Protein backbone atom coordinates (compact mmCIF):
# COMPACT_ATOMS: atom_id res chain seq x y z
CA MET A 1 158.82 28.04 272.11
CA GLN A 2 158.95 28.52 268.32
CA THR A 3 157.19 31.89 268.61
CA THR A 4 159.60 33.03 271.33
CA TYR A 5 162.57 32.05 269.18
CA GLN A 6 161.18 33.89 266.13
CA THR A 7 160.46 36.99 268.21
CA ALA A 8 163.97 36.94 269.66
CA GLN A 9 165.47 36.48 266.20
CA THR A 10 163.47 39.44 264.86
CA ASP A 11 164.57 41.59 267.82
CA VAL A 12 168.24 40.68 267.25
CA GLU A 13 168.00 41.52 263.55
CA GLN A 14 166.37 44.87 264.35
CA LYS A 15 169.12 45.75 266.84
CA GLN A 16 171.79 44.80 264.31
CA ARG A 17 170.23 47.14 261.74
CA GLU A 18 170.07 49.94 264.35
CA TRP A 19 173.74 49.51 265.25
CA ILE A 20 174.99 49.16 261.69
CA ALA A 21 173.02 52.10 260.27
CA PRO A 22 175.26 54.85 261.75
CA ILE A 23 178.40 53.01 260.62
CA HIS A 24 177.02 52.60 257.11
CA GLU A 25 176.03 56.28 256.98
CA ARG A 26 179.46 57.43 258.14
CA MET A 27 181.17 55.16 255.61
CA SER A 28 178.92 56.38 252.81
CA LYS A 29 179.67 60.02 253.61
CA ALA A 30 183.42 59.31 253.64
CA ILE A 31 183.24 57.55 250.26
CA GLN A 32 181.21 60.44 248.80
CA LYS A 33 183.71 62.99 250.13
CA VAL A 34 186.70 61.09 248.74
CA GLY A 35 184.94 60.72 245.38
CA ALA A 36 184.17 64.43 245.22
CA ASP A 37 187.62 65.49 246.43
CA LYS A 38 189.40 63.21 243.94
CA GLY A 39 187.03 64.04 241.06
CA PHE A 40 185.84 60.46 240.48
CA THR A 41 182.74 59.71 238.47
CA TYR A 42 182.13 56.30 240.08
CA ILE A 43 183.41 54.30 243.03
CA PHE A 44 182.59 50.58 242.93
CA ASP A 45 182.83 47.86 245.53
CA SER A 46 185.52 45.51 244.24
CA GLY A 47 183.60 42.51 245.56
CA ALA A 48 181.02 43.02 242.82
CA MET A 49 183.51 43.41 239.96
CA GLN A 50 184.07 40.74 237.33
CA TYR A 51 187.20 42.44 236.01
CA ILE A 52 189.47 45.12 237.42
CA GLY A 53 191.93 46.73 235.01
CA ALA A 54 195.52 47.62 235.77
CA ASP A 55 194.68 51.35 235.79
CA ALA A 56 191.99 50.98 238.50
CA VAL A 57 192.40 53.26 241.51
CA ASP A 58 191.95 51.83 245.01
CA VAL A 59 190.41 54.61 247.13
CA MET A 60 190.24 52.49 250.29
CA PRO A 61 193.34 54.16 251.82
CA ASP A 62 191.73 57.58 251.25
CA VAL A 63 188.40 56.45 252.74
CA LYS A 64 190.19 54.98 255.77
CA LYS A 65 192.07 58.26 256.21
CA GLU A 66 188.78 60.17 256.01
CA LEU A 67 187.31 57.89 258.68
CA GLY A 68 190.42 58.20 260.87
CA ILE A 69 191.28 54.50 260.49
CA LYS A 70 194.92 53.47 260.24
């Protein structure tokens, strides 16, 4: 039973990676396009930031627009 559970868990994780990969790729391309179009040097994920200054630019609206998300 333990082996069956582990096999099922591995299969589920593999499927999740397969399904998420195209979304991640599309998102990455949109972020790269926005960065190039806007002339940015870096775009960071705000979740990893310790400090965000007042002059920071949030490109999420531009990325959403690029992806066709309202």
